[in-house]
Protein backbone atom coordinates (compact mmCIF):
# COMPACT_ATOMS: atom_id res chain seq x y z
CA MET A 1 57.11 36.63 -6.31
CA ALA A 2 53.35 36.56 -5.97
CA GLN A 3 51.66 38.87 -3.48
CA PHE A 4 49.08 37.33 -1.15
CA ARG A 5 46.55 39.32 0.88
CA SER A 6 47.37 37.38 4.02
CA ALA A 7 51.11 37.06 3.52
CA THR A 8 51.75 37.43 7.24
CA HIS A 9 50.24 33.97 7.76
CA PHE A 10 52.89 32.28 5.67
CA SER A 11 56.30 31.38 6.98
CA GLN A 12 58.45 30.61 3.96
CA GLN A 13 58.41 30.43 0.17
CA LEU A 14 59.40 27.43 -1.90
CA SER A 15 62.27 27.65 -4.31
CA ALA A 16 62.15 27.00 -8.06
CA PRO A 17 60.46 25.53 -9.95
CA TYR A 18 57.53 26.68 -7.80
CA ALA A 19 58.63 30.27 -7.20
CA GLY A 20 55.06 31.58 -6.78
CA VAL A 21 54.12 29.00 -4.16
CA ILE A 22 53.79 29.86 -0.50
CA TRP A 23 54.28 27.11 2.05
CA HIS A 24 53.03 27.17 5.62
CA SER A 25 52.83 24.34 8.14
CA GLY A 26 53.01 21.73 5.40
CA ILE A 27 50.26 23.33 3.31
CA THR A 28 50.86 24.83 -0.12
CA TYR A 29 48.94 27.87 -1.39
CA MET A 30 48.84 29.32 -4.88
CA LYS A 31 46.25 31.23 -6.83
CA GLN A 32 45.10 29.74 -10.12
CA ILE A 33 46.22 32.79 -12.10
CA GLU A 34 49.70 32.37 -10.61
CA PHE A 35 49.72 28.74 -11.70
CA LYS A 36 48.76 29.81 -15.24
CA MET A 37 51.46 32.47 -15.29
CA TRP A 38 54.01 29.90 -14.13
CA GLN A 39 52.91 27.54 -16.92
CA LEU A 40 53.21 30.28 -19.57
CA LYS A 41 56.44 31.83 -18.32
CA ASP A 42 58.48 28.79 -17.30
CA ARG A 43 57.02 26.15 -19.62
CA PRO A 44 57.38 23.37 -17.02
CA SER A 45 57.19 19.71 -17.97
CA ILE A 46 53.90 17.83 -17.63
CA LYS A 47 55.45 16.02 -14.66
CA GLU A 48 56.26 19.31 -12.88
CA GLN A 49 52.76 20.65 -13.55
CA ILE A 50 51.09 17.50 -12.22
CA ASP A 51 53.38 17.42 -9.17
CA LEU A 52 52.45 20.97 -8.22
CA TRP A 53 48.72 20.41 -8.79
CA LEU A 54 48.82 17.28 -6.63
CA GLN A 55 50.70 19.23 -3.96
CA LEU A 56 47.97 21.89 -4.07
CA GLN A 57 45.35 19.20 -3.35
CA GLY A 58 46.14 19.32 0.40
CA ASP A 59 43.75 21.65 2.19
CA CYS A 60 42.91 23.48 -1.04
CA SER A 61 41.33 20.65 -3.04
CA SER A 62 38.04 22.52 -3.55
CA ALA A 63 39.88 25.56 -4.93
CA TRP A 64 41.93 23.26 -7.17
CA SER A 65 39.16 20.90 -8.33
CA SER A 66 40.42 20.97 -11.91
CA CYS A 67 43.53 21.98 -13.81
CA ASP A 68 44.79 21.74 -17.36
CA PHE A 69 48.36 20.85 -18.26
CA GLU A 70 50.09 21.41 -21.56
CA ALA A 71 53.45 20.70 -23.14
CA THR A 72 54.58 20.01 -26.68
CA GLY A 73 52.18 17.45 -28.15
CA ILE A 74 50.32 16.87 -24.85
CA LYS A 75 47.17 18.42 -23.37
CA LEU A 76 45.54 17.09 -20.21
CA LEU A 77 42.65 18.13 -17.99
CA PHE A 78 42.54 16.68 -14.47
CA ARG A 79 39.79 16.95 -11.87
CA ASN A 80 39.56 15.68 -8.31
CA GLU A 81 35.91 14.57 -8.54
CA THR A 82 33.36 13.42 -11.08
CA ASN A 83 29.71 12.37 -11.40
CA ASP A 84 28.57 9.20 -9.64
CA ILE A 85 31.70 8.82 -7.52
CA ASP A 86 31.39 9.68 -3.85
CA GLY A 87 34.41 11.53 -2.57
CA LYS A 88 37.60 12.67 -4.22
CA CYS A 89 39.48 10.76 -6.91
CA LEU A 90 41.99 11.60 -9.61
CA VAL A 91 40.04 12.12 -12.83
CA ILE A 92 41.61 12.40 -16.26
CA ALA A 93 38.81 14.38 -17.86
CA SER A 94 40.56 15.02 -21.16
CA ILE A 95 43.69 13.75 -22.84
CA PHE A 96 45.11 14.82 -26.20
CA LEU A 97 48.30 13.46 -27.69
CA SER A 98 49.70 14.61 -31.01
CA ASP A 99 50.06 11.90 -33.65
CA ASP A 100 53.78 11.51 -32.98
CA MET A 101 53.09 10.95 -29.25
CA GLN A 102 50.49 8.22 -29.72
CA ARG A 103 51.30 4.52 -29.28
CA LYS A 104 54.57 5.37 -27.48
CA GLY A 105 53.58 4.34 -23.93
CA PHE A 106 52.70 7.82 -22.65
CA LEU A 107 49.42 6.73 -21.05
CA LYS A 108 50.87 3.68 -19.29
CA SER A 109 53.78 5.75 -18.08
CA LEU A 110 51.43 8.50 -16.85
CA LEU A 111 49.17 6.04 -15.02
CA LYS A 112 52.10 4.30 -13.36
CA TYR A 113 53.41 7.70 -12.23
CA LEU A 114 50.01 8.72 -10.85
CA VAL A 115 49.71 5.49 -8.87
CA GLY A 116 52.75 6.56 -6.86
CA LYS A 117 51.88 10.25 -6.58
CA SER A 118 48.12 10.62 -6.27
CA PRO A 119 46.70 11.17 -2.78
CA TYR A 120 43.47 9.55 -4.00
CA GLU A 121 42.73 5.82 -4.02
CA PHE A 122 40.92 5.85 -7.37
CA ILE A 123 41.86 6.97 -10.88
CA ALA A 124 39.12 7.60 -13.44
CA PHE A 125 38.65 8.63 -17.05
CA GLU A 126 35.61 10.75 -17.92
CA ASP A 127 33.45 10.10 -20.96
CA ILE A 128 35.81 8.07 -23.15
CA ASP A 129 34.94 8.31 -26.83
CA ASN A 130 38.16 6.72 -28.11
CA PRO A 131 37.61 2.95 -28.66
CA ILE A 132 41.34 2.22 -28.21
CA LEU A 133 41.39 3.96 -24.82
CA LEU A 134 38.15 2.26 -23.77
CA SER A 135 39.64 -1.14 -24.68
CA PHE A 136 42.83 -0.29 -22.77
CA CYS A 137 40.78 0.55 -19.67
CA LYS A 138 38.82 -2.70 -19.84
CA ARG A 139 42.05 -4.74 -20.23
CA ASN A 140 43.54 -3.01 -17.18
CA SER A 141 40.80 -3.59 -14.59
CA PHE A 142 38.93 -0.30 -15.03
CA GLU A 143 35.18 -0.59 -14.53
CA PRO A 144 32.34 1.72 -15.59
CA VAL A 145 31.64 4.43 -13.03
CA SER A 146 27.93 3.63 -13.24
CA LYS A 147 25.21 2.49 -15.61
CA MET A 148 24.46 6.13 -16.28
CA TYR A 149 28.08 6.77 -17.34
CA PRO A 150 29.24 3.55 -19.06
CA ASN A 151 32.05 5.34 -20.93
CA SER A 152 33.53 6.81 -17.76
CA MET A 153 35.92 4.29 -16.23
CA LEU A 154 37.30 3.88 -12.71
CA VAL A 155 40.03 1.75 -11.13
CA HIS A 156 41.56 1.44 -7.67
CA LYS A 157 45.17 2.51 -8.09
CA SER A 158 46.45 -0.70 -6.48
CA LYS A 159 45.26 -2.59 -9.58
CA LEU A 160 47.63 -0.52 -11.73
CA GLN A 161 50.78 -1.12 -9.66
CA SER A 162 51.83 -4.05 -11.84
CA LEU A 163 51.37 -2.07 -15.05
CA SER A 164 54.53 -2.34 -17.10
CA ALA A 165 55.70 1.12 -18.18
CA VAL A 166 58.82 3.19 -18.69
CA GLU A 167 59.59 5.98 -16.24
CA PHE A 168 57.36 9.05 -16.73
CA SER A 169 59.62 11.78 -18.08
CA TYR A 170 57.35 14.17 -19.97
């Protein structure tokens, strides 16, 4: 179990899979190094990693402004803010899928999952250089963040609710 300097301020600890997480009055606390150790030791699914990061967004969103997630064939980098967007939003800053993961519905499934889980009203992609992903965004109501960042796309999550996708299970 992780040691915290101010452990007396915390009332209880969460059970697995978040063994290093401290919970107090509905707020979750965890140091970034503890998150990394959890990722390396337990090898959680992408879904478990995202769930915990979103949970850590509560009162700690500035401390958890970005986080990378990794599992077999998948690498993601999320942020909670980006250039030319006022306020917090869920930003997919980087996405890598191995060849055998591509064209299998991962992205649609991920977006549909995030619509239901994200505390933020907007979902964005930063600096898209993949023409297939850019086309996907345009077909699914994403708009450029600004004229200065035409390859960064943004959408209100309500516009993705009707997206047809299988359950996110990665």
